[in-house]
């Protein structure tokens, strides 16, 4: 029988992380359906890329390095910055394009999944949370690579490929589409 920690880790690796990618892809589909390049344009598209990077960095850090005070601080800071960017994103986009009920619904998942991930990382690394809260940061401010990344032997490669197909390439396409439209509009005067 797997331990509770292993069950929680499996929940992160095989449910929440893939679900975050799926919701990102659905969100991209909503942007495409509303012709983001003709409405809110390049600025909103770049905000989306920023939000992906804001969460991609701590996810990779947690997959590759031992969670210590530094990694936990990065996770918390990234979560807060992502929430601020998400608020700005919706405030910017809402008056410029239609945000469908599907997009609003998927935004709920895209906002809560990072919170659930952060909470589960905290539960799995409670000793680090206590060190962070008590300012016992000695030795916890450097990156320590883990010998075997979490998950099955090919998990990291598989997850990165999955995210590239569902999120990285679609959002790059969105950026290029919006950039081309921005250039055309600028050239037209």
N, C-alpha and C. Protein backbone atom coordinates (compact mmCIF):
# COMPACT_ATOMS: atom_id res chain seq x y z
N UNK A 1 0.85 -1.18 0.00
CA UNK A 1 0.00 0.00 0.00
C UNK A 1 0.89 1.24 0.00
N UNK A 2 0.67 2.16 -0.96
CA UNK A 2 1.49 3.38 -0.99
C UNK A 2 1.23 4.26 0.23
N UNK A 3 2.25 5.01 0.61
CA UNK A 3 2.12 5.92 1.74
C UNK A 3 1.23 7.10 1.35
N UNK A 4 0.77 7.82 2.34
CA UNK A 4 -0.04 9.02 2.09
C UNK A 4 0.75 10.03 1.28
N UNK A 5 2.03 10.19 1.60
CA UNK A 5 2.87 11.12 0.84
C UNK A 5 2.94 10.72 -0.63
N UNK A 6 3.07 9.42 -0.90
CA UNK A 6 3.13 8.95 -2.28
C UNK A 6 1.80 9.18 -3.00
N UNK A 7 0.71 8.98 -2.29
CA UNK A 7 -0.61 9.22 -2.88
C UNK A 7 -0.79 10.71 -3.22
N UNK A 8 -0.35 11.59 -2.31
CA UNK A 8 -0.44 13.03 -2.58
C UNK A 8 0.47 13.43 -3.74
N UNK A 9 1.65 12.86 -3.78
CA UNK A 9 2.57 13.14 -4.89
C UNK A 9 1.96 12.66 -6.21
N UNK A 10 1.34 11.48 -6.21
CA UNK A 10 0.68 10.98 -7.42
C UNK A 10 -0.47 11.90 -7.84
N UNK A 11 -1.21 12.43 -6.87
CA UNK A 11 -2.28 13.38 -7.16
C UNK A 11 -1.72 14.60 -7.88
N UNK A 12 -0.59 15.09 -7.41
CA UNK A 12 0.06 16.24 -8.04
C UNK A 12 0.51 15.89 -9.46
N UNK A 13 1.28 14.80 -9.57
CA UNK A 13 1.93 14.46 -10.84
C UNK A 13 0.97 14.00 -11.92
N UNK A 14 0.00 13.17 -11.54
CA UNK A 14 -0.81 12.51 -12.55
C UNK A 14 -2.23 13.05 -12.66
N UNK A 15 -2.60 14.01 -11.82
CA UNK A 15 -3.94 14.61 -11.92
C UNK A 15 -3.84 16.13 -12.06
N UNK A 16 -3.30 16.81 -11.06
CA UNK A 16 -3.33 18.27 -11.06
C UNK A 16 -2.42 18.90 -12.13
N UNK A 17 -1.20 18.41 -12.27
CA UNK A 17 -0.32 19.00 -13.29
C UNK A 17 -0.86 18.80 -14.70
N UNK A 18 -1.31 17.58 -15.06
CA UNK A 18 -1.91 17.45 -16.39
C UNK A 18 -3.21 18.26 -16.54
N UNK A 19 -4.01 18.33 -15.49
CA UNK A 19 -5.24 19.10 -15.57
C UNK A 19 -4.95 20.57 -15.82
N UNK A 20 -3.88 21.09 -15.21
CA UNK A 20 -3.50 22.48 -15.44
C UNK A 20 -3.17 22.70 -16.93
N UNK A 21 -2.47 21.74 -17.54
CA UNK A 21 -2.17 21.83 -18.97
C UNK A 21 -3.42 21.77 -19.83
N UNK A 22 -4.34 20.89 -19.48
CA UNK A 22 -5.59 20.76 -20.24
C UNK A 22 -6.40 22.05 -20.15
N UNK A 23 -6.49 22.62 -18.96
CA UNK A 23 -7.25 23.87 -18.82
C UNK A 23 -6.57 25.01 -19.59
N UNK A 24 -5.25 25.01 -19.62
CA UNK A 24 -4.53 26.01 -20.41
C UNK A 24 -4.86 25.89 -21.89
N UNK A 25 -4.95 24.65 -22.38
CA UNK A 25 -5.29 24.44 -23.78
C UNK A 25 -6.73 24.88 -24.07
N UNK A 26 -7.65 24.57 -23.18
CA UNK A 26 -9.04 25.01 -23.37
C UNK A 26 -9.11 26.53 -23.38
N UNK A 27 -8.35 27.18 -22.50
CA UNK A 27 -8.31 28.64 -22.46
C UNK A 27 -7.80 29.18 -23.79
N UNK A 28 -6.74 28.58 -24.33
CA UNK A 28 -6.21 28.99 -25.63
C UNK A 28 -7.28 28.86 -26.72
N UNK A 29 -8.03 27.76 -26.68
CA UNK A 29 -9.12 27.57 -27.65
C UNK A 29 -10.15 28.70 -27.55
N UNK A 30 -10.45 29.11 -26.32
CA UNK A 30 -11.39 30.24 -26.13
C UNK A 30 -10.82 31.52 -26.70
N UNK A 31 -9.52 31.77 -26.51
CA UNK A 31 -8.88 32.97 -27.07
C UNK A 31 -8.96 32.95 -28.59
N UNK A 32 -8.71 31.80 -29.15
CA UNK A 32 -8.73 31.66 -30.61
C UNK A 32 -10.15 31.88 -31.14
N UNK A 33 -11.13 31.35 -30.44
CA UNK A 33 -12.52 31.49 -30.88
C UNK A 33 -12.99 32.94 -30.85
N UNK A 34 -12.41 33.75 -29.97
CA UNK A 34 -12.81 35.16 -29.88
C UNK A 34 -11.86 36.08 -30.65
N UNK A 35 -11.01 35.51 -31.49
CA UNK A 35 -10.07 36.28 -32.31
C UNK A 35 -9.29 37.30 -31.48
N UNK A 36 -8.58 36.79 -30.51
CA UNK A 36 -7.82 37.65 -29.60
C UNK A 36 -6.91 38.61 -30.35
N UNK A 37 -6.39 38.17 -31.49
CA UNK A 37 -5.48 39.04 -32.25
C UNK A 37 -6.18 40.29 -32.77
N UNK A 38 -7.50 40.25 -32.94
CA UNK A 38 -8.25 41.40 -33.45
C UNK A 38 -8.89 42.22 -32.33
N UNK A 39 -8.86 41.72 -31.12
CA UNK A 39 -9.54 42.40 -30.02
C UNK A 39 -8.54 42.92 -29.00
N UNK A 40 -8.22 42.13 -28.01
CA UNK A 40 -7.30 42.58 -26.95
C UNK A 40 -5.85 42.46 -27.36
N UNK A 41 -5.55 41.63 -28.34
CA UNK A 41 -4.27 41.62 -29.02
C UNK A 41 -3.04 41.15 -28.28
N UNK A 42 -1.92 41.69 -28.75
CA UNK A 42 -0.60 41.24 -28.31
C UNK A 42 -0.40 41.40 -26.80
N UNK A 43 -0.88 42.49 -26.25
CA UNK A 43 -0.67 42.72 -24.81
C UNK A 43 -1.27 41.60 -23.98
N UNK A 44 -2.51 41.21 -24.29
CA UNK A 44 -3.12 40.13 -23.52
C UNK A 44 -2.40 38.81 -23.77
N UNK A 45 -2.02 38.56 -25.00
CA UNK A 45 -1.32 37.32 -25.31
C UNK A 45 0.00 37.22 -24.54
N UNK A 46 0.72 38.32 -24.44
CA UNK A 46 1.97 38.32 -23.68
C UNK A 46 1.72 38.11 -22.19
N UNK A 47 0.61 38.63 -21.69
CA UNK A 47 0.25 38.39 -20.29
C UNK A 47 0.03 36.90 -20.07
N UNK A 48 -0.63 36.22 -21.02
CA UNK A 48 -0.84 34.78 -20.90
C UNK A 48 0.49 34.03 -20.83
N UNK A 49 1.43 34.43 -21.69
CA UNK A 49 2.74 33.79 -21.67
C UNK A 49 3.46 34.04 -20.35
N UNK A 50 3.36 35.27 -19.86
CA UNK A 50 3.95 35.60 -18.56
C UNK A 50 3.38 34.70 -17.46
N UNK A 51 2.06 34.52 -17.46
CA UNK A 51 1.44 33.69 -16.42
C UNK A 51 1.91 32.23 -16.52
N UNK A 52 2.08 31.74 -17.73
CA UNK A 52 2.59 30.38 -17.90
C UNK A 52 4.00 30.24 -17.35
N UNK A 53 4.83 31.23 -17.62
CA UNK A 53 6.21 31.22 -17.11
C UNK A 53 6.21 31.34 -15.59
N UNK A 54 5.32 32.18 -15.06
CA UNK A 54 5.25 32.36 -13.61
C UNK A 54 4.97 31.05 -12.88
N UNK A 55 4.21 30.18 -13.47
CA UNK A 55 3.94 28.90 -12.82
C UNK A 55 4.84 27.79 -13.32
N UNK A 56 5.34 27.90 -14.55
CA UNK A 56 6.22 26.88 -15.08
C UNK A 56 7.53 26.77 -14.31
N UNK A 57 8.07 27.92 -13.91
CA UNK A 57 9.34 27.91 -13.18
C UNK A 57 9.23 27.17 -11.85
N UNK A 58 8.26 27.48 -10.98
CA UNK A 58 8.20 26.73 -9.72
C UNK A 58 7.84 25.26 -9.92
N UNK A 59 7.04 24.94 -10.94
CA UNK A 59 6.73 23.53 -11.20
C UNK A 59 8.02 22.78 -11.54
N UNK A 60 8.81 23.34 -12.45
CA UNK A 60 10.08 22.69 -12.80
C UNK A 60 11.01 22.60 -11.60
N UNK A 61 11.05 23.65 -10.80
CA UNK A 61 11.91 23.62 -9.61
C UNK A 61 11.49 22.49 -8.67
N UNK A 62 10.19 22.31 -8.48
CA UNK A 62 9.71 21.25 -7.58
C UNK A 62 9.95 19.86 -8.15
N UNK A 63 9.97 19.75 -9.48
CA UNK A 63 10.23 18.45 -10.10
C UNK A 63 11.71 18.10 -10.11
N UNK A 64 12.58 19.11 -10.14
CA UNK A 64 14.01 18.86 -10.30
C UNK A 64 14.83 19.02 -9.03
N UNK A 65 14.33 19.82 -8.08
CA UNK A 65 15.11 20.13 -6.88
C UNK A 65 14.36 19.75 -5.61
N UNK A 66 15.14 19.51 -4.55
CA UNK A 66 14.53 19.24 -3.25
C UNK A 66 13.83 20.50 -2.79
N UNK A 67 12.61 20.33 -2.30
CA UNK A 67 11.86 21.50 -1.81
C UNK A 67 12.49 21.94 -0.49
N UNK A 68 13.04 23.15 -0.51
CA UNK A 68 13.60 23.75 0.69
C UNK A 68 13.02 25.16 0.81
N UNK A 69 13.57 25.97 1.66
CA UNK A 69 13.04 27.31 1.88
C UNK A 69 13.08 28.12 0.59
N UNK A 70 14.18 28.06 -0.16
CA UNK A 70 14.30 28.82 -1.40
C UNK A 70 13.21 28.41 -2.39
N UNK A 71 13.05 27.12 -2.62
CA UNK A 71 12.06 26.63 -3.57
C UNK A 71 10.65 27.02 -3.12
N UNK A 72 10.39 26.89 -1.82
CA UNK A 72 9.07 27.25 -1.31
C UNK A 72 8.81 28.76 -1.45
N UNK A 73 9.83 29.58 -1.20
CA UNK A 73 9.68 31.03 -1.40
C UNK A 73 9.38 31.36 -2.86
N UNK A 74 10.07 30.69 -3.78
CA UNK A 74 9.82 30.90 -5.20
C UNK A 74 8.39 30.49 -5.54
N UNK A 75 7.93 29.37 -5.00
CA UNK A 75 6.56 28.91 -5.26
C UNK A 75 5.53 29.92 -4.75
N UNK A 76 5.73 30.43 -3.57
CA UNK A 76 4.78 31.40 -2.99
C UNK A 76 4.80 32.70 -3.79
N UNK A 77 5.99 33.20 -4.09
CA UNK A 77 6.10 34.45 -4.85
C UNK A 77 5.48 34.30 -6.24
N UNK A 78 5.75 33.17 -6.89
CA UNK A 78 5.19 32.93 -8.22
C UNK A 78 3.67 32.86 -8.17
N UNK A 79 3.14 32.22 -7.15
CA UNK A 79 1.68 32.13 -7.01
C UNK A 79 1.07 33.53 -6.85
N UNK A 80 1.65 34.34 -5.98
CA UNK A 80 1.13 35.70 -5.75
C UNK A 80 1.23 36.52 -7.03
N UNK A 81 2.36 36.48 -7.70
CA UNK A 81 2.53 37.24 -8.95
C UNK A 81 1.58 36.75 -10.03
N UNK A 82 1.35 35.43 -10.09
CA UNK A 82 0.41 34.87 -11.05
C UNK A 82 -1.00 35.37 -10.79
N UNK A 83 -1.39 35.45 -9.53
CA UNK A 83 -2.73 35.95 -9.19
C UNK A 83 -2.88 37.42 -9.59
N UNK A 84 -1.85 38.21 -9.35
CA UNK A 84 -1.89 39.61 -9.75
C UNK A 84 -1.98 39.75 -11.27
N UNK A 85 -1.20 38.95 -11.98
CA UNK A 85 -1.24 38.99 -13.44
C UNK A 85 -2.59 38.51 -13.97
N UNK A 86 -3.16 37.49 -13.34
CA UNK A 86 -4.48 36.99 -13.77
C UNK A 86 -5.55 38.05 -13.58
N UNK A 87 -5.48 38.77 -12.47
CA UNK A 87 -6.44 39.84 -12.23
C UNK A 87 -6.29 40.93 -13.31
N UNK A 88 -5.05 41.31 -13.58
CA UNK A 88 -4.79 42.32 -14.60
C UNK A 88 -5.26 41.82 -15.98
N UNK A 89 -5.03 40.55 -16.27
CA UNK A 89 -5.43 39.97 -17.55
C UNK A 89 -6.93 40.12 -17.79
N UNK A 90 -7.72 39.73 -16.82
CA UNK A 90 -9.18 39.79 -16.99
C UNK A 90 -9.64 41.25 -17.02
N UNK A 91 -9.06 42.10 -16.18
CA UNK A 91 -9.44 43.51 -16.19
C UNK A 91 -9.11 44.16 -17.53
N UNK A 92 -8.01 43.76 -18.13
CA UNK A 92 -7.63 44.30 -19.43
C UNK A 92 -8.51 43.74 -20.55
N UNK A 93 -8.75 42.42 -20.53
CA UNK A 93 -9.46 41.77 -21.64
C UNK A 93 -10.96 42.03 -21.64
N UNK A 94 -11.58 42.08 -20.48
CA UNK A 94 -13.05 42.15 -20.40
C UNK A 94 -13.67 43.27 -21.23
N UNK A 95 -13.15 44.49 -21.22
CA UNK A 95 -13.78 45.52 -22.05
C UNK A 95 -13.42 45.42 -23.54
N UNK A 96 -12.47 44.54 -23.89
CA UNK A 96 -11.97 44.50 -25.27
C UNK A 96 -12.48 43.30 -26.07
N UNK A 97 -12.89 42.23 -25.39
CA UNK A 97 -13.38 41.06 -26.12
C UNK A 97 -14.37 40.29 -25.26
N UNK A 98 -15.14 39.45 -25.92
CA UNK A 98 -16.12 38.62 -25.22
C UNK A 98 -15.39 37.51 -24.47
N UNK A 99 -15.69 37.38 -23.19
CA UNK A 99 -15.16 36.28 -22.39
C UNK A 99 -16.34 35.35 -22.14
N UNK A 100 -16.31 34.19 -22.80
CA UNK A 100 -17.44 33.27 -22.75
C UNK A 100 -17.57 32.61 -21.38
N UNK A 101 -18.70 32.00 -21.17
CA UNK A 101 -18.92 31.25 -19.92
C UNK A 101 -17.92 30.11 -19.81
N UNK A 102 -17.55 29.50 -20.95
CA UNK A 102 -16.54 28.44 -20.95
C UNK A 102 -15.19 28.97 -20.49
N UNK A 103 -14.84 30.15 -20.98
CA UNK A 103 -13.55 30.73 -20.59
C UNK A 103 -13.56 31.12 -19.12
N UNK A 104 -14.66 31.69 -18.65
CA UNK A 104 -14.76 32.02 -17.22
C UNK A 104 -14.64 30.77 -16.37
N UNK A 105 -15.30 29.71 -16.81
CA UNK A 105 -15.27 28.46 -16.05
C UNK A 105 -13.85 27.87 -16.00
N UNK A 106 -13.18 27.88 -17.14
CA UNK A 106 -11.82 27.34 -17.17
C UNK A 106 -10.87 28.20 -16.35
N UNK A 107 -11.13 29.52 -16.29
CA UNK A 107 -10.31 30.39 -15.44
C UNK A 107 -10.42 29.99 -13.97
N UNK A 108 -11.61 29.51 -13.56
CA UNK A 108 -11.75 29.03 -12.18
C UNK A 108 -10.76 27.91 -11.88
N UNK A 109 -10.64 26.97 -12.81
CA UNK A 109 -9.68 25.88 -12.62
C UNK A 109 -8.25 26.39 -12.68
N UNK A 110 -7.99 27.30 -13.61
CA UNK A 110 -6.63 27.79 -13.75
C UNK A 110 -6.18 28.61 -12.55
N UNK A 111 -7.13 29.13 -11.79
CA UNK A 111 -6.80 29.87 -10.57
C UNK A 111 -6.69 28.95 -9.37
N UNK A 112 -7.51 27.91 -9.31
CA UNK A 112 -7.50 27.05 -8.13
C UNK A 112 -6.45 25.96 -8.18
N UNK A 113 -6.15 25.44 -9.36
CA UNK A 113 -5.15 24.36 -9.44
C UNK A 113 -3.80 24.81 -8.88
N UNK A 114 -3.28 26.00 -9.23
CA UNK A 114 -2.01 26.41 -8.61
C UNK A 114 -2.11 26.53 -7.08
N UNK A 115 -3.26 26.97 -6.58
CA UNK A 115 -3.43 27.03 -5.13
C UNK A 115 -3.39 25.64 -4.52
N UNK A 116 -4.08 24.69 -5.14
CA UNK A 116 -4.06 23.31 -4.64
C UNK A 116 -2.65 22.73 -4.70
N UNK A 117 -1.94 23.01 -5.79
CA UNK A 117 -0.56 22.53 -5.90
C UNK A 117 0.31 23.10 -4.79
N UNK A 118 0.19 24.39 -4.55
CA UNK A 118 0.97 25.02 -3.48
C UNK A 118 0.63 24.42 -2.12
N UNK A 119 -0.66 24.22 -1.87
CA UNK A 119 -1.06 23.64 -0.58
C UNK A 119 -0.53 22.21 -0.42
N UNK A 120 -0.59 21.41 -1.48
CA UNK A 120 -0.09 20.04 -1.39
C UNK A 120 1.42 20.00 -1.23
N UNK A 121 2.12 20.90 -1.91
CA UNK A 121 3.57 20.98 -1.73
C UNK A 121 3.89 21.35 -0.29
N UNK A 122 3.11 22.26 0.28
CA UNK A 122 3.32 22.64 1.69
C UNK A 122 3.06 21.45 2.62
N UNK A 123 2.00 20.70 2.37
CA UNK A 123 1.69 19.53 3.22
C UNK A 123 2.80 18.49 3.12
N UNK A 124 3.26 18.24 1.89
CA UNK A 124 4.31 17.23 1.70
C UNK A 124 5.67 17.67 2.26
N UNK A 125 5.83 18.96 2.47
CA UNK A 125 7.10 19.51 2.96
C UNK A 125 6.85 20.38 4.19
N UNK A 126 6.08 19.87 5.11
CA UNK A 126 5.67 20.64 6.28
C UNK A 126 6.86 21.13 7.10
N UNK A 127 7.91 20.32 7.17
CA UNK A 127 9.10 20.74 7.91
C UNK A 127 9.71 22.00 7.29
N UNK A 128 9.63 22.12 5.96
CA UNK A 128 10.15 23.31 5.27
C UNK A 128 9.24 24.51 5.55
N UNK A 129 7.95 24.28 5.60
CA UNK A 129 7.01 25.36 5.93
C UNK A 129 7.33 25.91 7.32
N UNK A 130 7.58 25.02 8.28
CA UNK A 130 7.92 25.45 9.64
C UNK A 130 9.23 26.23 9.67
N UNK A 131 10.22 25.77 8.88
CA UNK A 131 11.49 26.51 8.80
C UNK A 131 11.28 27.88 8.19
N UNK A 132 10.46 27.95 7.15
CA UNK A 132 10.17 29.24 6.52
C UNK A 132 9.48 30.18 7.50
N UNK A 133 8.48 29.67 8.20
CA UNK A 133 7.70 30.50 9.14
C UNK A 133 8.53 30.94 10.33
N UNK A 134 9.50 30.14 10.75
CA UNK A 134 10.31 30.47 11.92
C UNK A 134 11.63 31.16 11.54
N UNK A 135 11.78 31.45 10.25
CA UNK A 135 13.00 32.08 9.73
C UNK A 135 14.25 31.26 10.00
N UNK A 136 14.09 29.93 10.05
CA UNK A 136 15.22 29.02 10.18
C UNK A 136 15.66 28.64 8.77
N UNK A 137 16.29 29.58 8.09
CA UNK A 137 16.60 29.40 6.68
C UNK A 137 18.02 28.90 6.43
N UNK A 138 18.76 28.61 7.47
CA UNK A 138 20.15 28.16 7.30
C UNK A 138 20.20 26.91 6.43
N UNK A 139 20.98 26.98 5.39
CA UNK A 139 21.15 25.85 4.48
C UNK A 139 19.98 25.64 3.53
N UNK A 140 18.95 26.44 3.65
CA UNK A 140 17.77 26.24 2.81
C UNK A 140 17.64 27.23 1.68
N UNK A 141 18.73 27.95 1.39
CA UNK A 141 18.65 28.97 0.34
C UNK A 141 19.55 28.64 -0.86
N UNK A 142 19.73 27.36 -1.12
CA UNK A 142 20.46 26.94 -2.31
C UNK A 142 19.70 25.79 -2.96
N UNK A 143 19.88 25.66 -4.25
CA UNK A 143 19.18 24.59 -4.97
C UNK A 143 19.94 23.28 -4.80
N UNK A 144 19.19 22.23 -4.46
CA UNK A 144 19.77 20.90 -4.30
C UNK A 144 19.05 19.96 -5.25
N UNK A 145 19.72 19.58 -6.32
CA UNK A 145 19.14 18.70 -7.34
C UNK A 145 18.80 17.34 -6.71
N UNK A 146 17.64 16.81 -7.05
CA UNK A 146 17.30 15.48 -6.57
C UNK A 146 17.84 14.45 -7.56
N UNK A 147 18.23 13.29 -7.05
CA UNK A 147 18.85 12.27 -7.89
C UNK A 147 17.93 11.80 -9.01
N UNK A 148 16.71 11.47 -8.65
CA UNK A 148 15.74 11.00 -9.64
C UNK A 148 14.52 11.90 -9.57
N UNK A 149 14.21 12.58 -10.68
CA UNK A 149 13.02 13.43 -10.65
C UNK A 149 11.79 12.64 -10.24
N UNK A 150 10.83 13.33 -9.66
CA UNK A 150 9.61 12.69 -9.17
C UNK A 150 8.87 12.00 -10.30
N UNK A 151 8.10 10.98 -9.93
CA UNK A 151 7.29 10.26 -10.91
C UNK A 151 8.04 9.07 -11.46
N UNK A 152 7.47 8.43 -12.45
CA UNK A 152 8.09 7.26 -13.07
C UNK A 152 9.33 7.70 -13.83
N UNK A 153 10.19 6.75 -14.25
CA UNK A 153 11.46 7.12 -14.89
C UNK A 153 11.33 8.10 -16.07
N UNK A 154 10.30 8.04 -16.86
CA UNK A 154 10.18 8.96 -17.99
C UNK A 154 9.20 10.09 -17.75
N UNK A 155 8.81 10.29 -16.48
CA UNK A 155 7.75 11.26 -16.20
C UNK A 155 8.10 12.67 -16.68
N UNK A 156 9.26 13.17 -16.32
CA UNK A 156 9.62 14.55 -16.63
C UNK A 156 9.60 14.80 -18.14
N UNK A 157 10.22 13.91 -18.91
CA UNK A 157 10.21 14.07 -20.37
C UNK A 157 8.78 14.03 -20.90
N UNK A 158 7.98 13.09 -20.41
CA UNK A 158 6.59 12.98 -20.85
C UNK A 158 5.77 14.20 -20.49
N UNK A 159 5.95 14.70 -19.27
CA UNK A 159 5.20 15.87 -18.84
C UNK A 159 5.60 17.10 -19.65
N UNK A 160 6.89 17.28 -19.88
CA UNK A 160 7.34 18.43 -20.66
C UNK A 160 6.82 18.37 -22.10
N UNK A 161 6.81 17.18 -22.68
CA UNK A 161 6.27 17.02 -24.04
C UNK A 161 4.77 17.32 -24.05
N UNK A 162 4.06 16.81 -23.06
CA UNK A 162 2.63 17.05 -22.92
C UNK A 162 2.34 18.55 -22.83
N UNK A 163 3.09 19.25 -21.99
CA UNK A 163 2.89 20.70 -21.82
C UNK A 163 3.31 21.47 -23.07
N UNK A 164 4.33 21.00 -23.77
CA UNK A 164 4.74 21.67 -25.00
C UNK A 164 3.60 21.61 -26.03
N UNK A 165 2.99 20.44 -26.17
CA UNK A 165 1.92 20.27 -27.15
C UNK A 165 0.66 21.04 -26.74
N UNK A 166 0.29 20.99 -25.47
CA UNK A 166 -0.96 21.61 -25.03
C UNK A 166 -0.86 23.09 -24.71
N UNK A 167 0.32 23.55 -24.31
CA UNK A 167 0.41 24.95 -23.85
C UNK A 167 1.50 25.76 -24.55
N UNK A 168 2.72 25.27 -24.56
CA UNK A 168 3.82 26.08 -25.07
C UNK A 168 3.60 26.42 -26.55
N UNK A 169 3.40 25.41 -27.39
CA UNK A 169 3.22 25.67 -28.82
C UNK A 169 1.95 26.46 -29.11
N UNK A 170 0.81 26.13 -28.52
CA UNK A 170 -0.38 26.96 -28.78
C UNK A 170 -0.21 28.42 -28.37
N UNK A 171 0.40 28.67 -27.21
CA UNK A 171 0.55 30.07 -26.79
C UNK A 171 1.63 30.79 -27.60
N UNK A 172 2.63 30.07 -28.08
CA UNK A 172 3.57 30.69 -29.02
C UNK A 172 2.84 31.07 -30.30
N UNK A 173 1.97 30.18 -30.78
CA UNK A 173 1.18 30.47 -31.97
C UNK A 173 0.31 31.71 -31.73
N UNK A 174 -0.28 31.81 -30.54
CA UNK A 174 -1.10 32.97 -30.20
C UNK A 174 -0.25 34.24 -30.20
N UNK A 175 0.93 34.16 -29.61
CA UNK A 175 1.83 35.33 -29.60
C UNK A 175 2.18 35.76 -31.02
N UNK A 176 2.52 34.80 -31.87
CA UNK A 176 2.89 35.12 -33.25
C UNK A 176 1.70 35.71 -34.00
N UNK A 177 0.53 35.11 -33.84
CA UNK A 177 -0.68 35.61 -34.50
C UNK A 177 -0.97 37.06 -34.06
N UNK A 178 -0.86 37.31 -32.77
CA UNK A 178 -1.13 38.65 -32.24
C UNK A 178 -0.06 39.64 -32.67
N UNK A 179 1.19 39.20 -32.67
CA UNK A 179 2.29 40.06 -33.09
C UNK A 179 2.13 40.47 -34.55
N UNK A 180 1.77 39.50 -35.42
CA UNK A 180 1.56 39.81 -36.83
C UNK A 180 0.44 40.83 -37.01
N UNK A 181 -0.65 40.66 -36.29
CA UNK A 181 -1.76 41.61 -36.38
C UNK A 181 -1.33 42.98 -35.86
N UNK A 182 -0.58 43.02 -34.78
CA UNK A 182 -0.08 44.28 -34.22
C UNK A 182 0.79 45.01 -35.26
N UNK A 183 1.65 44.26 -35.95
CA UNK A 183 2.51 44.85 -36.98
C UNK A 183 1.67 45.40 -38.14
N UNK A 184 0.66 44.64 -38.56
CA UNK A 184 -0.21 45.10 -39.66
C UNK A 184 -0.95 46.37 -39.26
N UNK A 185 -1.45 46.40 -38.03
CA UNK A 185 -2.20 47.58 -37.56
C UNK A 185 -1.27 48.79 -37.46
N UNK A 186 -0.07 48.56 -37.01
CA UNK A 186 0.90 49.66 -36.91
C UNK A 186 1.30 50.19 -38.27
N UNK A 187 1.47 49.28 -39.22
CA UNK A 187 1.85 49.69 -40.59
C UNK A 187 0.71 50.45 -41.26
N UNK A 188 -0.52 50.09 -40.92
CA UNK A 188 -1.69 50.75 -41.52
C UNK A 188 -1.90 52.13 -40.94
N UNK A 189 -1.29 52.39 -39.82
CA UNK A 189 -1.36 53.75 -39.29
C UNK A 189 -2.15 53.91 -38.10
